[in-house]
C-alpha atoms as a PDB file:
ATOM      1  CA  MET A   1      -0.017  -0.093   0.089  1.00  0.00           C
ATOM      2  CA  PRO A   2       1.352   3.529  -0.841  1.00  0.00           C
ATOM      3  CA  SER A   3       2.921   5.189   2.132  1.00  0.00           C
ATOM      4  CA  ASN A   4       0.665   8.212   1.928  1.00  0.00           C
ATOM      5  CA  SER A   5      -2.386   5.814   2.444  1.00  0.00           C
ATOM      6  CA  LEU A   6      -0.564   4.438   5.445  1.00  0.00           C
ATOM      7  CA  GLY A   7      -0.185   7.888   6.798  1.00  0.00           C
ATOM      8  CA  GLN A   8      -3.900   8.585   6.225  1.00  0.00           C
ATOM      9  CA  THR A   9      -4.840   5.446   8.178  1.00  0.00           C
ATOM     10  CA  GLN A  10      -2.658   6.520  11.177  1.00  0.00           C
ATOM     11  CA  THR A  11      -3.953  10.068  11.065  1.00  0.00           C
ATOM     12  CA  ARG A  12      -7.531   8.899  10.864  1.00  0.00           C
ATOM     13  CA  LYS A  13      -6.843   6.832  14.062  1.00  0.00           C
ATOM     14  CA  ALA A  14      -5.646   9.956  15.863  1.00  0.00           C
ATOM     15  CA  GLU A  15      -8.445  12.098  14.712  1.00  0.00           C
ATOM     16  CA  HIS A  16     -10.962   9.484  15.762  1.00  0.00           C
ATOM     17  CA  LEU A  17      -9.681   9.639  19.328  1.00  0.00           C
ATOM     18  CA  ARG A  18      -9.485  13.522  19.438  1.00  0.00           C
ATOM     19  CA  ILE A  19     -13.042  13.814  18.165  1.00  0.00           C
ATOM     20  CA  CYS A  20     -14.582  11.252  20.540  1.00  0.00           C
ATOM     21  CA  LEU A  21     -12.855  12.955  23.507  1.00  0.00           C
ATOM     22  CA  ASP A  22     -13.273  16.681  22.568  1.00  0.00           C
ATOM     23  CA  GLU A  23     -16.543  16.997  20.338  1.00  0.00           C
ATOM     24  CA  ASP A  24     -20.103  16.257  20.821  1.00  0.00           C
ATOM     25  CA  VAL A  25     -20.584  13.204  18.590  1.00  0.00           C
ATOM     26  CA  GLN A  26     -23.294  11.455  20.514  1.00  0.00           C
ATOM     27  CA  PHE A  27     -26.699  10.521  19.017  1.00  0.00           C
ATOM     28  CA  SER A  28     -28.981  13.404  19.697  1.00  0.00           C
ATOM     29  CA  GLN A  29     -32.271  11.951  18.882  1.00  0.00           C
ATOM     30  CA  THR A  30     -32.069   8.269  18.836  1.00  0.00           C
ATOM     31  CA  THR A  31     -31.438   6.681  22.252  1.00  0.00           C
ATOM     32  CA  ASN A  32     -30.277   3.284  23.184  1.00  0.00           C
ATOM     33  CA  GLY A  33     -33.913   2.318  24.135  1.00  0.00           C
ATOM     34  CA  LEU A  34     -32.977   1.188  27.708  1.00  0.00           C
ATOM     35  CA  GLU A  35     -34.836   4.130  29.133  1.00  0.00           C
ATOM     36  CA  ARG A  36     -38.128   2.138  28.217  1.00  0.00           C
ATOM     37  CA  TYR A  37     -37.422  -0.326  31.002  1.00  0.00           C
ATOM     38  CA  ARG A  38     -37.481  -0.316  34.795  1.00  0.00           C
ATOM     39  CA  PHE A  39     -36.599  -2.736  37.241  1.00  0.00           C
ATOM     40  CA  ILE A  40     -38.893  -4.262  39.677  1.00  0.00           C
ATOM     41  CA  HIS A  41     -37.792  -3.271  43.072  1.00  0.00           C
ATOM     42  CA  CYS A  42     -37.519  -5.760  45.772  1.00  0.00           C
ATOM     43  CA  CYS A  43     -38.015  -4.257  49.120  1.00  0.00           C
ATOM     44  CA  LEU A  44     -36.927  -7.343  51.078  1.00  0.00           C
ATOM     45  CA  PRO A  45     -34.038  -9.167  49.075  1.00  0.00           C
ATOM     46  CA  GLU A  46     -33.478 -12.032  51.560  1.00  0.00           C
ATOM     47  CA  ILE A  47     -29.862 -12.201  50.393  1.00  0.00           C
ATOM     48  CA  ASN A  48     -26.468 -10.717  51.527  1.00  0.00           C
ATOM     49  CA  ARG A  49     -25.125  -8.074  49.206  1.00  0.00           C
ATOM     50  CA  ASP A  50     -21.531  -9.058  49.910  1.00  0.00           C
ATOM     51  CA  GLU A  51     -22.429 -12.462  48.642  1.00  0.00           C
ATOM     52  CA  ILE A  52     -23.769 -11.549  45.240  1.00  0.00           C
ATOM     53  CA  ASN A  53     -21.833 -13.179  42.395  1.00  0.00           C
ATOM     54  CA  LEU A  54     -21.401 -11.494  38.994  1.00  0.00           C
ATOM     55  CA  LYS A  55     -19.238 -14.235  37.326  1.00  0.00           C
ATOM     56  CA  THR A  56     -20.074 -15.359  33.806  1.00  0.00           C
ATOM     57  CA  GLU A  57     -18.676 -17.244  30.934  1.00  0.00           C
ATOM     58  CA  PHE A  58     -18.165 -16.103  27.360  1.00  0.00           C
ATOM     59  CA  LEU A  59     -16.860 -18.308  24.377  1.00  0.00           C
ATOM     60  CA  GLY A  60     -15.348 -20.711  26.893  1.00  0.00           C
ATOM     61  CA  LYS A  61     -13.697 -17.983  29.021  1.00  0.00           C
ATOM     62  CA  GLN A  62     -14.486 -17.454  32.765  1.00  0.00           C
ATOM     63  CA  LEU A  63     -14.964 -13.811  33.583  1.00  0.00           C
ATOM     64  CA  SER A  64     -15.440 -12.099  36.878  1.00  0.00           C
ATOM     65  CA  TYR A  65     -17.914  -9.566  35.555  1.00  0.00           C
ATOM     66  CA  PRO A  66     -20.331  -9.427  32.364  1.00  0.00           C
ATOM     67  CA  LEU A  67     -18.219  -6.657  31.203  1.00  0.00           C
ATOM     68  CA  LEU A  68     -16.280  -5.837  27.846  1.00  0.00           C
ATOM     69  CA  ILE A  69     -13.934  -2.934  27.237  1.00  0.00           C
ATOM     70  CA  SER A  70     -15.449  -2.396  23.698  1.00  0.00           C
ATOM     71  CA  SER A  71     -13.011  -2.088  20.689  1.00  0.00           C
ATOM     72  CA  MET A  72     -11.673   1.517  20.299  1.00  0.00           C
ATOM     73  CA  THR A  73      -8.226   2.200  19.126  1.00  0.00           C
ATOM     74  CA  GLY A  74      -4.706   1.560  18.258  1.00  0.00           C
ATOM     75  CA  GLY A  75      -1.833   2.601  15.721  1.00  0.00           C
ATOM     76  CA  THR A  76      -0.585   5.799  17.529  1.00  0.00           C
ATOM     77  CA  GLU A  77       1.564   6.358  20.517  1.00  0.00           C
ATOM     78  CA  PHE A  78      -1.382   7.869  22.560  1.00  0.00           C
ATOM     79  CA  ALA A  79      -3.532   4.969  21.402  1.00  0.00           C
ATOM     80  CA  GLY A  80      -0.843   2.557  22.707  1.00  0.00           C
ATOM     81  CA  THR A  81      -0.969   4.219  26.083  1.00  0.00           C
ATOM     82  CA  ILE A  82      -4.789   3.947  26.153  1.00  0.00           C
ATOM     83  CA  ASN A  83      -4.613   0.224  25.263  1.00  0.00           C
ATOM     84  CA  ARG A  84      -1.949  -0.638  27.712  1.00  0.00           C
ATOM     85  CA  ARG A  85      -3.900   1.110  30.546  1.00  0.00           C
ATOM     86  CA  LEU A  86      -7.198  -0.668  29.433  1.00  0.00           C
ATOM     87  CA  ALA A  87      -5.439  -3.982  29.322  1.00  0.00           C
ATOM     88  CA  GLU A  88      -4.034  -3.700  32.866  1.00  0.00           C
ATOM     89  CA  VAL A  89      -7.456  -2.881  34.271  1.00  0.00           C
ATOM     90  CA  ALA A  90      -9.013  -5.689  32.362  1.00  0.00           C
ATOM     91  CA  GLN A  91      -6.455  -8.203  33.888  1.00  0.00           C
ATOM     92  CA  HIS A  92      -6.924  -6.859  37.286  1.00  0.00           C
ATOM     93  CA  TYR A  93     -10.746  -7.233  37.152  1.00  0.00           C
ATOM     94  CA  ASN A  94     -10.685 -10.345  34.814  1.00  0.00           C
ATOM     95  CA  ILE A  95     -13.085  -8.592  32.246  1.00  0.00           C
ATOM     96  CA  ALA A  96     -12.903  -8.777  28.541  1.00  0.00           C
ATOM     97  CA  MET A  97     -11.197  -6.423  26.192  1.00  0.00           C
ATOM     98  CA  GLY A  98     -11.225  -5.637  22.484  1.00  0.00           C
ATOM     99  CA  VAL A  99      -8.917  -3.579  20.429  1.00  0.00           C
ATOM    100  CA  GLY A 100      -9.575  -1.095  17.675  1.00  0.00           C
ATOM    101  CA  SER A 101      -9.168  -2.180  13.947  1.00  0.00           C
ATOM    102  CA  GLN A 102      -5.783  -3.678  13.401  1.00  0.00           C
ATOM    103  CA  ARG A 103      -5.748  -2.907   9.625  1.00  0.00           C
ATOM    104  CA  VAL A 104      -3.064  -0.263  10.341  1.00  0.00           C
ATOM    105  CA  ALA A 105      -0.963  -2.690  12.058  1.00  0.00           C
ATOM    106  CA  LEU A 106      -0.759  -4.911   8.926  1.00  0.00           C
ATOM    107  CA  GLU A 107      -0.051  -2.018   6.700  1.00  0.00           C
ATOM    108  CA  LYS A 108       2.471  -0.402   9.164  1.00  0.00           C
ATOM    109  CA  PRO A 109       4.042  -3.223  11.323  1.00  0.00           C
ATOM    110  CA  GLN A 110       6.123  -0.691  13.302  1.00  0.00           C
ATOM    111  CA  VAL A 111       2.729   0.441  15.098  1.00  0.00           C
ATOM    112  CA  ALA A 112       1.895  -3.299  15.965  1.00  0.00           C
ATOM    113  CA  PRO A 113       3.133  -2.745  19.650  1.00  0.00           C
ATOM    114  CA  THR A 114       0.333  -0.416  20.166  1.00  0.00           C
ATOM    115  CA  PHE A 115      -2.096  -3.282  19.977  1.00  0.00           C
ATOM    116  CA  ALA A 116       0.044  -6.090  21.579  1.00  0.00           C
ATOM    117  CA  VAL A 117      -1.202  -6.048  25.186  1.00  0.00           C
ATOM    118  CA  ARG A 118      -1.254  -9.803  25.890  1.00  0.00           C
ATOM    119  CA  SER A 119       1.812  -9.578  28.147  1.00  0.00           C
ATOM    120  CA  LEU A 120      -0.038  -7.142  30.343  1.00  0.00           C
ATOM    121  CA  ALA A 121      -3.298  -9.205  30.338  1.00  0.00           C
ATOM    122  CA  PRO A 122      -2.320 -12.836  30.097  1.00  0.00           C
ATOM    123  CA  ASP A 123      -5.662 -14.261  31.335  1.00  0.00           C
ATOM    124  CA  ILE A 124      -8.387 -12.138  29.826  1.00  0.00           C
ATOM    125  CA  LEU A 125     -10.726 -12.795  26.923  1.00  0.00           C
ATOM    126  CA  LEU A 126      -8.981 -10.687  24.290  1.00  0.00           C
ATOM    127  CA  LEU A 127     -10.586  -9.756  20.939  1.00  0.00           C
ATOM    128  CA  ALA A 128      -8.722  -8.984  17.791  1.00  0.00           C
ATOM    129  CA  ASN A 129     -10.540  -6.793  15.149  1.00  0.00           C
ATOM    130  CA  LEU A 130     -10.617  -6.209  11.345  1.00  0.00           C
ATOM    131  CA  GLY A 131     -13.149  -4.482   9.134  1.00  0.00           C
ATOM    132  CA  ALA A 132     -15.234  -7.154   7.392  1.00  0.00           C
ATOM    133  CA  VAL A 133     -15.404  -5.160   4.194  1.00  0.00           C
ATOM    134  CA  GLN A 134     -11.460  -5.578   3.850  1.00  0.00           C
ATOM    135  CA  LEU A 135     -12.265  -9.135   2.778  1.00  0.00           C
ATOM    136  CA  ASN A 136     -13.313  -7.508  -0.441  1.00  0.00           C
ATOM    137  CA  TYR A 137     -10.125  -5.605  -0.556  1.00  0.00           C
ATOM    138  CA  LYS A 138      -7.453  -8.248  -0.907  1.00  0.00           C
ATOM    139  CA  TYR A 139      -7.568  -9.203   2.921  1.00  0.00           C
ATOM    140  CA  GLY A 140      -8.188 -12.854   3.562  1.00  0.00           C
ATOM    141  CA  LEU A 141      -7.400 -15.656   5.948  1.00  0.00           C
ATOM    142  CA  ASP A 142      -3.598 -14.929   6.172  1.00  0.00           C
ATOM    143  CA  GLU A 143      -4.312 -11.309   7.398  1.00  0.00           C
ATOM    144  CA  CYS A 144      -6.913 -12.449   9.834  1.00  0.00           C
ATOM    145  CA  ARG A 145      -4.556 -15.037  11.332  1.00  0.00           C
ATOM    146  CA  ARG A 146      -1.838 -12.373  11.497  1.00  0.00           C
ATOM    147  CA  VAL A 147      -3.900  -9.932  13.548  1.00  0.00           C
ATOM    148  CA  VAL A 148      -5.141 -12.782  15.802  1.00  0.00           C
ATOM    149  CA  ASP A 149      -1.403 -13.941  16.240  1.00  0.00           C
ATOM    150  CA  LEU A 150      -0.234 -10.329  16.928  1.00  0.00           C
ATOM    151  CA  LEU A 151      -2.699 -10.155  19.819  1.00  0.00           C
ATOM    152  CA  GLN A 152      -2.662 -13.723  20.820  1.00  0.00           C
ATOM    153  CA  ALA A 153      -6.452 -13.253  20.665  1.00  0.00           C
ATOM    154  CA  ASP A 154      -9.195 -15.633  21.824  1.00  0.00           C
ATOM    155  CA  ALA A 155     -11.540 -14.467  19.090  1.00  0.00           C
ATOM    156  CA  LEU A 156     -11.811 -12.254  16.046  1.00  0.00           C
ATOM    157  CA  ILE A 157     -14.178  -9.324  15.605  1.00  0.00           C
ATOM    158  CA  LEU A 158     -15.206  -8.464  12.115  1.00  0.00           C
ATOM    159  CA  HIS A 159     -16.816  -5.161  12.361  1.00  0.00           C
ATOM    160  CA  LEU A 160     -19.493  -4.031  10.089  1.00  0.00           C
ATOM    161  CA  ASN A 161     -19.645  -0.333   9.230  1.00  0.00           C
ATOM    162  CA  PRO A 162     -21.349   0.398   5.981  1.00  0.00           C
ATOM    163  CA  LEU A 163     -22.793   3.904   7.059  1.00  0.00           C
ATOM    164  CA  GLN A 164     -19.351   4.970   8.347  1.00  0.00           C
ATOM    165  CA  GLU A 165     -17.699   3.907   5.103  1.00  0.00           C
ATOM    166  CA  CYS A 166     -20.214   6.087   3.064  1.00  0.00           C
ATOM    167  CA  ILE A 167     -19.263   9.102   4.923  1.00  0.00           C
ATOM    168  CA  GLN A 168     -15.519   8.561   5.692  1.00  0.00           C
ATOM    169  CA  PRO A 169     -13.081  10.209   3.145  1.00  0.00           C
ATOM    170  CA  ARG A 170     -12.125   7.332   0.679  1.00  0.00           C
ATOM    171  CA  GLY A 171     -14.377   4.820   2.490  1.00  0.00           C
ATOM    172  CA  ASP A 172     -14.319   1.268   1.253  1.00  0.00           C
ATOM    173  CA  THR A 173     -18.035   0.725   0.148  1.00  0.00           C
ATOM    174  CA  ASN A 174     -17.861  -2.497  -1.944  1.00  0.00           C
ATOM    175  CA  PHE A 175     -19.765  -4.905   0.201  1.00  0.00           C
ATOM    176  CA  ARG A 176     -20.941  -7.163  -2.661  1.00  0.00           C
ATOM    177  CA  GLY A 177     -20.647 -10.912  -1.958  1.00  0.00           C
ATOM    178  CA  LEU A 178     -19.168 -10.194   1.506  1.00  0.00           C
ATOM    179  CA  LEU A 179     -21.218 -12.715   3.371  1.00  0.00           C
ATOM    180  CA  ASP A 180     -19.903 -15.632   1.377  1.00  0.00           C
ATOM    181  CA  LYS A 181     -16.396 -14.472   2.375  1.00  0.00           C
ATOM    182  CA  VAL A 182     -17.331 -14.269   5.957  1.00  0.00           C
ATOM    183  CA  GLU A 183     -18.622 -17.743   5.755  1.00  0.00           C
ATOM    184  CA  GLU A 184     -15.417 -18.936   4.188  1.00  0.00           C
ATOM    185  CA  LEU A 185     -13.313 -17.176   6.999  1.00  0.00           C
ATOM    186  CA  CYS A 186     -15.428 -18.692   9.715  1.00  0.00           C
ATOM    187  CA  SER A 187     -14.986 -22.197   8.357  1.00  0.00           C
ATOM    188  CA  LYS A 188     -11.266 -21.841   8.285  1.00  0.00           C
ATOM    189  CA  LEU A 189     -10.199 -19.621  11.174  1.00  0.00           C
ATOM    190  CA  PRO A 190      -9.566 -22.000  14.194  1.00  0.00           C
ATOM    191  CA  ILE A 191     -10.935 -19.378  16.794  1.00  0.00           C
ATOM    192  CA  PRO A 192     -14.565 -17.943  17.106  1.00  0.00           C
ATOM    193  CA  VAL A 193     -15.533 -14.917  14.786  1.00  0.00           C
ATOM    194  CA  ILE A 194     -17.789 -12.345  16.245  1.00  0.00           C
ATOM    195  CA  ALA A 195     -19.787  -9.934  14.039  1.00  0.00           C
ATOM    196  CA  LYS A 196     -20.102  -6.471  15.436  1.00  0.00           C
ATOM    197  CA  GLU A 197     -21.611  -3.193  14.161  1.00  0.00           C
ATOM    198  CA  VAL A 198     -20.089   0.093  15.061  1.00  0.00           C
ATOM    199  CA  GLY A 199     -23.111   1.804  16.530  1.00  0.00           C
ATOM    200  CA  ASN A 200     -25.905   1.375  13.943  1.00  0.00           C
ATOM    201  CA  GLY A 201     -27.183  -1.893  15.248  1.00  0.00           C
ATOM    202  CA  ILE A 202     -27.803  -5.440  13.846  1.00  0.00           C
ATOM    203  CA  SER A 203     -31.343  -6.607  13.077  1.00  0.00           C
ATOM    204  CA  ALA A 204     -32.598 -10.110  13.899  1.00  0.00           C
ATOM    205  CA  ALA A 205     -32.893 -10.742  10.108  1.00  0.00           C
ATOM    206  CA  MET A 206     -29.051  -9.960   9.708  1.00  0.00           C
ATOM    207  CA  ALA A 207     -28.225 -11.801  12.776  1.00  0.00           C
ATOM    208  CA  LYS A 208     -29.848 -14.868  11.304  1.00  0.00           C
ATOM    209  CA  LYS A 209     -27.715 -14.533   8.004  1.00  0.00           C
ATOM    210  CA  LEU A 210     -24.531 -14.025  10.035  1.00  0.00           C
ATOM    211  CA  MET A 211     -25.173 -17.071  12.223  1.00  0.00           C
ATOM    212  CA  ASN A 212     -25.948 -19.174   9.181  1.00  0.00           C
ATOM    213  CA  ALA A 213     -22.616 -18.069   7.774  1.00  0.00           C
ATOM    214  CA  GLY A 214     -20.849 -19.391  10.789  1.00  0.00           C
ATOM    215  CA  ILE A 215     -20.460 -16.419  13.158  1.00  0.00           C
ATOM    216  CA  SER A 216     -19.977 -17.441  16.775  1.00  0.00           C
ATOM    217  CA  ALA A 217     -21.250 -14.429  18.574  1.00  0.00           C
ATOM    218  CA  ILE A 218     -22.747 -11.051  17.808  1.00  0.00           C
ATOM    219  CA  ASP A 219     -22.182  -7.618  19.174  1.00  0.00           C
ATOM    220  CA  VAL A 220     -25.155  -5.526  18.443  1.00  0.00           C
ATOM    221  CA  ALA A 221     -23.386  -2.168  18.790  1.00  0.00           C
ATOM    222  CA  GLY A 222     -26.877  -0.447  18.472  1.00  0.00           C
ATOM    223  CA  ALA A 223     -27.683   3.157  18.201  1.00  0.00           C
ATOM    224  CA  GLY A 224     -27.815   5.613  21.108  1.00  0.00           C
ATOM    225  CA  GLY A 225     -24.024   6.246  21.817  1.00  0.00           C
ATOM    226  CA  THR A 226     -21.367   7.556  19.897  1.00  0.00           C
ATOM    227  CA  SER A 227     -22.651   8.380  16.117  1.00  0.00           C
ATOM    228  CA  TRP A 228     -19.857   7.520  13.678  1.00  0.00           C
ATOM    229  CA  ALA A 229     -21.620   9.613  11.026  1.00  0.00           C
ATOM    230  CA  LYS A 230     -21.150  12.556  13.298  1.00  0.00           C
ATOM    231  CA  VAL A 231     -17.547  11.659  13.897  1.00  0.00           C
ATOM    232  CA  GLU A 232     -16.763  11.388  10.116  1.00  0.00           C
ATOM    233  CA  SER A 233     -18.764  14.609   9.515  1.00  0.00           C
ATOM    234  CA  GLU A 234     -16.129  16.182  11.780  1.00  0.00           C
ATOM    235  CA  ARG A 235     -13.488  14.912   9.519  1.00  0.00           C
ATOM    236  CA  ALA A 236     -15.158  15.793   6.254  1.00  0.00           C
ATOM    237  CA  GLU A 237     -13.022  16.997   3.461  1.00  0.00           C
ATOM    238  CA  ASN A 238     -15.964  18.719   1.551  1.00  0.00           C
ATOM    239  CA  SER A 239     -19.404  19.833   2.116  1.00  0.00           C
ATOM    240  CA  LEU A 240     -21.116  16.667   0.720  1.00  0.00           C
ATOM    241  CA  GLN A 241     -19.463  14.438   3.270  1.00  0.00           C
ATOM    242  CA  ARG A 242     -20.265  16.963   6.100  1.00  0.00           C
ATOM    243  CA  ARG A 243     -23.944  16.988   5.005  1.00  0.00           C
ATOM    244  CA  LEU A 244     -24.166  13.214   4.658  1.00  0.00           C
ATOM    245  CA  GLY A 245     -22.719  12.867   8.394  1.00  0.00           C
ATOM    246  CA  MET A 246     -25.404  15.291   9.823  1.00  0.00           C
ATOM    247  CA  THR A 247     -28.177  13.861   7.777  1.00  0.00           C
ATOM    248  CA  PHE A 248     -27.349  10.256   9.070  1.00  0.00           C
ATOM    249  CA  ALA A 249     -26.357  11.261  12.477  1.00  0.00           C
ATOM    250  CA  ASP A 250     -29.333   9.444  14.168  1.00  0.00           C
ATOM    251  CA  TRP A 251     -29.513   6.535  11.887  1.00  0.00           C
ATOM    252  CA  GLY A 252     -29.669   3.144  13.439  1.00  0.00           C
ATOM    253  CA  LEU A 253     -31.457   0.579  15.408  1.00  0.00           C
ATOM    254  CA  PRO A 254     -31.530   1.042  19.335  1.00  0.00           C
ATOM    255  CA  THR A 255     -29.473  -1.312  21.351  1.00  0.00           C
ATOM    256  CA  ALA A 256     -32.364  -2.524  23.477  1.00  0.00           C
ATOM    257  CA  GLU A 257     -34.370  -3.425  20.327  1.00  0.00           C
ATOM    258  CA  CYS A 258     -31.538  -5.288  18.842  1.00  0.00           C
ATOM    259  CA  ILE A 259     -30.963  -7.356  21.981  1.00  0.00           C
ATOM    260  CA  ARG A 260     -34.511  -8.328  22.204  1.00  0.00           C
ATOM    261  CA  SER A 261     -35.071  -9.125  18.614  1.00  0.00           C
ATOM    262  CA  ILE A 262     -31.913 -11.301  18.166  1.00  0.00           C
ATOM    263  CA  ARG A 263     -32.449 -13.094  21.594  1.00  0.00           C
ATOM    264  CA  ALA A 264     -36.017 -13.994  20.585  1.00  0.00           C
ATOM    265  CA  LEU A 265     -34.690 -15.242  17.406  1.00  0.00           C
ATOM    266  CA  ALA A 266     -31.637 -17.232  18.783  1.00  0.00           C
ATOM    267  CA  PRO A 267     -31.902 -18.109  22.379  1.00  0.00           C
ATOM    268  CA  GLU A 268     -28.449 -19.638  22.554  1.00  0.00           C
ATOM    269  CA  ILE A 269     -26.119 -17.184  20.472  1.00  0.00           C
ATOM    270  CA  PRO A 270     -23.523 -15.627  22.639  1.00  0.00           C
ATOM    271  CA  LEU A 271     -24.660 -11.858  22.529  1.00  0.00           C
ATOM    272  CA  ILE A 272     -22.752  -8.699  23.391  1.00  0.00           C
ATOM    273  CA  ALA A 273     -24.799  -5.513  24.083  1.00  0.00           C
ATOM    274  CA  SER A 274     -23.238  -2.206  23.248  1.00  0.00           C
ATOM    275  CA  GLY A 275     -24.042   1.155  21.997  1.00  0.00           C
ATOM    276  CA  GLY A 276     -24.807   3.995  24.395  1.00  0.00           C
ATOM    277  CA  LEU A 277     -24.201   2.087  27.531  1.00  0.00           C
ATOM    278  CA  ARG A 278     -22.820   4.543  30.126  1.00  0.00           C
ATOM    279  CA  HIS A 279     -23.200   2.999  33.652  1.00  0.00           C
ATOM    280  CA  GLY A 280     -24.152  -0.111  35.627  1.00  0.00           C
ATOM    281  CA  LEU A 281     -27.689   0.318  35.336  1.00  0.00           C
ATOM    282  CA  ASP A 282     -27.473   0.256  31.492  1.00  0.00           C
ATOM    283  CA  ILE A 283     -25.397  -2.816  31.765  1.00  0.00           C
ATOM    284  CA  ALA A 284     -27.873  -4.596  34.072  1.00  0.00           C
ATOM    285  CA  LYS A 285     -30.818  -3.719  31.776  1.00  0.00           C
ATOM    286  CA  ALA A 286     -28.822  -5.077  28.669  1.00  0.00           C
ATOM    287  CA  ILE A 287     -28.160  -8.389  30.580  1.00  0.00           C
ATOM    288  CA  ALA A 288     -31.786  -8.668  31.756  1.00  0.00           C
ATOM    289  CA  LEU A 289     -33.095  -8.197  28.141  1.00  0.00           C
ATOM    290  CA  GLY A 290     -30.875 -11.197  27.049  1.00  0.00           C
ATOM    291  CA  ALA A 291     -27.243 -10.095  26.572  1.00  0.00           C
ATOM    292  CA  ASN A 292     -24.416 -12.123  27.978  1.00  0.00           C
ATOM    293  CA  LEU A 293     -21.843  -9.286  28.112  1.00  0.00           C
ATOM    294  CA  ALA A 294     -22.152  -5.446  27.900  1.00  0.00           C
ATOM    295  CA  GLY A 295     -19.646  -3.508  26.138  1.00  0.00           C
ATOM    296  CA  LEU A 296     -18.703   0.206  26.852  1.00  0.00           C
ATOM    297  CA  ALA A 297     -16.225   2.333  24.965  1.00  0.00           C
ATOM    298  CA  LEU A 298     -16.594   6.006  25.635  1.00  0.00           C
ATOM    299  CA  PRO A 299     -16.557   5.829  29.405  1.00  0.00           C
ATOM    300  CA  PHE A 300     -13.462   3.627  29.290  1.00  0.00           C
ATOM    301  CA  LEU A 301     -11.738   5.906  26.706  1.00  0.00           C
ATOM    302  CA  GLN A 302     -12.514   8.964  28.842  1.00  0.00           C
ATOM    303  CA  ALA A 303     -11.125   7.391  32.125  1.00  0.00           C
ATOM    304  CA  ALA A 304      -8.056   5.902  30.227  1.00  0.00           C
ATOM    305  CA  ALA A 305      -7.260   9.374  28.712  1.00  0.00           C
ATOM    306  CA  GLU A 306      -7.350  10.775  32.239  1.00  0.00           C
ATOM    307  CA  SER A 307      -5.328   8.377  34.239  1.00  0.00           C
ATOM    308  CA  GLU A 308      -4.872   4.745  35.465  1.00  0.00           C
ATOM    309  CA  ALA A 309      -6.520   5.657  38.724  1.00  0.00           C
ATOM    310  CA  ALA A 310      -9.569   6.944  36.933  1.00  0.00           C
ATOM    311  CA  LEU A 311      -9.777   3.636  35.030  1.00  0.00           C
ATOM    312  CA  TYR A 312      -9.947   1.656  38.294  1.00  0.00           C
ATOM    313  CA  GLU A 313     -12.517   4.024  39.764  1.00  0.00           C
ATOM    314  CA  LEU A 314     -14.693   3.645  36.735  1.00  0.00           C
ATOM    315  CA  VAL A 315     -14.828  -0.189  37.124  1.00  0.00           C
ATOM    316  CA  GLU A 316     -15.362  -0.022  40.885  1.00  0.00           C
ATOM    317  CA  VAL A 317     -18.445   2.280  40.161  1.00  0.00           C
ATOM    318  CA  LEU A 318     -19.724  -0.063  37.387  1.00  0.00           C
ATOM    319  CA  ILE A 319     -19.398  -3.162  39.677  1.00  0.00           C
ATOM    320  CA  ALA A 320     -21.114  -1.309  42.475  1.00  0.00           C
ATOM    321  CA  GLU A 321     -23.895  -0.474  40.255  1.00  0.00           C
ATOM    322  CA  MET A 322     -24.468  -3.841  38.822  1.00  0.00           C
ATOM    323  CA  THR A 323     -24.185  -5.412  42.331  1.00  0.00           C
ATOM    324  CA  THR A 324     -26.819  -2.963  43.698  1.00  0.00           C
ATOM    325  CA  VAL A 325     -29.255  -3.744  40.742  1.00  0.00           C
ATOM    326  CA  LEU A 326     -29.109  -7.490  41.699  1.00  0.00           C
ATOM    327  CA  PHE A 327     -29.487  -6.841  45.307  1.00  0.00           C
ATOM    328  CA  CYS A 328     -32.602  -4.610  44.855  1.00  0.00           C
ATOM    329  CA  THR A 329     -34.124  -7.297  42.584  1.00  0.00           C
ATOM    330  CA  GLY A 330     -33.506  -9.986  45.054  1.00  0.00           C
ATOM    331  CA  THR A 331     -31.196 -11.988  42.851  1.00  0.00           C
ATOM    332  CA  ALA A 332     -27.903 -13.398  43.948  1.00  0.00           C
ATOM    333  CA  ASP A 333     -26.143 -14.244  40.742  1.00  0.00           C
ATOM    334  CA  LEU A 334     -26.448 -13.673  36.978  1.00  0.00           C
ATOM    335  CA  GLU A 335     -28.146 -16.899  36.326  1.00  0.00           C
ATOM    336  CA  GLU A 336     -30.981 -16.082  38.659  1.00  0.00           C
ATOM    337  CA  PHE A 337     -31.065 -12.613  37.501  1.00  0.00           C
ATOM    338  CA  LYS A 338     -31.592 -13.585  33.899  1.00  0.00           C
ATOM    339  CA  ARG A 339     -34.192 -16.361  34.726  1.00  0.00           C
ATOM    340  CA  LEU A 340     -36.443 -14.226  36.802  1.00  0.00           C
ATOM    341  CA  GLU A 341     -38.716 -11.539  35.547  1.00  0.00           C
ATOM    342  CA  VAL A 342     -36.998  -8.612  36.974  1.00  0.00           C
ATOM    343  CA  LEU A 343     -37.558  -5.914  34.224  1.00  0.00           C
ATOM    344  CA  GLN A 344     -40.701  -4.481  32.989  1.00  0.00           C
ATOM    345  CA  CYS A 345     -41.406  -2.141  29.909  1.00  0.00           C
ATOM    346  CA  VAL A 346     -42.836   1.160  31.006  1.00  0.00           C
ATOM    347  CA  LYS A 347     -43.061   2.742  27.509  1.00  0.00           C
ATOM    348  CA  GLU A 348     -43.847   0.926  24.274  1.00  0.00           C
ATOM    349  CA  GLY A 349     -41.647   1.757  21.319  1.00  0.00           C
END
């Protein structure tokens, strides 16, 4: 790949971090849909809060909490600092972590260390990441193996971002025949493949197609959090790109809607809820609706950019919030929490 393209990829990484931290690029009208639900309060829990168990399992890996540090970044010095801090906190609490798209590490091997965090987190569920559309741009099994090996990852995320590619300068928008290539990859890669949107959601119909293609797990990455249409609008090189980004700023399926519809279709598929989750109450609602894990990005990014101490404080708060939800619904562990009717819809969509 030409050196100027490599520079563009690295510059894009840096700009994405800056924009997410400094600009208002959240959905303004579409919400994650979780505000429609309320927990049924239990005034006499009959359990000891100190004994509540939040342990879970995902893709064969035991986790202390149903929490994923969602895929964010890599490829720059600052991104490397962020990833190292995130990996250390993930190891400390035994929670899952994904990294940002590793395409830049394939194109520019000298930045690979900004992703390589396994030495800091030897025991966690660690997820590699590539854009699915790259399978239509000369990437294949070899490149996927390389990003997995670089990370010593437990699974590979293929992220799906058609809207972002439409707005992004020089976006890759040839998605024709991609599902067949995903199916071929799933049949040959020796680790699970996770399909993930980037903030516009995955419908039940699309989830069914992805599962039929061999996808092992789904991250719904619904609407309601960071709008990548807005992010790319901030990076626009002309008025057309800027206008597209603002027109589609609130495009997508709310996270709660994605969780419910996919879980109704596929009761057993490992399911990650992400997209606009900001605190432990959101996490608990997502789990109660049917998700196995809850992924957060912006709260972790903001904390990691501040300090290591801020990251540890964030996780402690999230754990306390999740524990409080279980205590005040009278449930002692996640299995009981998901089995009982602890959530009610207070506003029909």
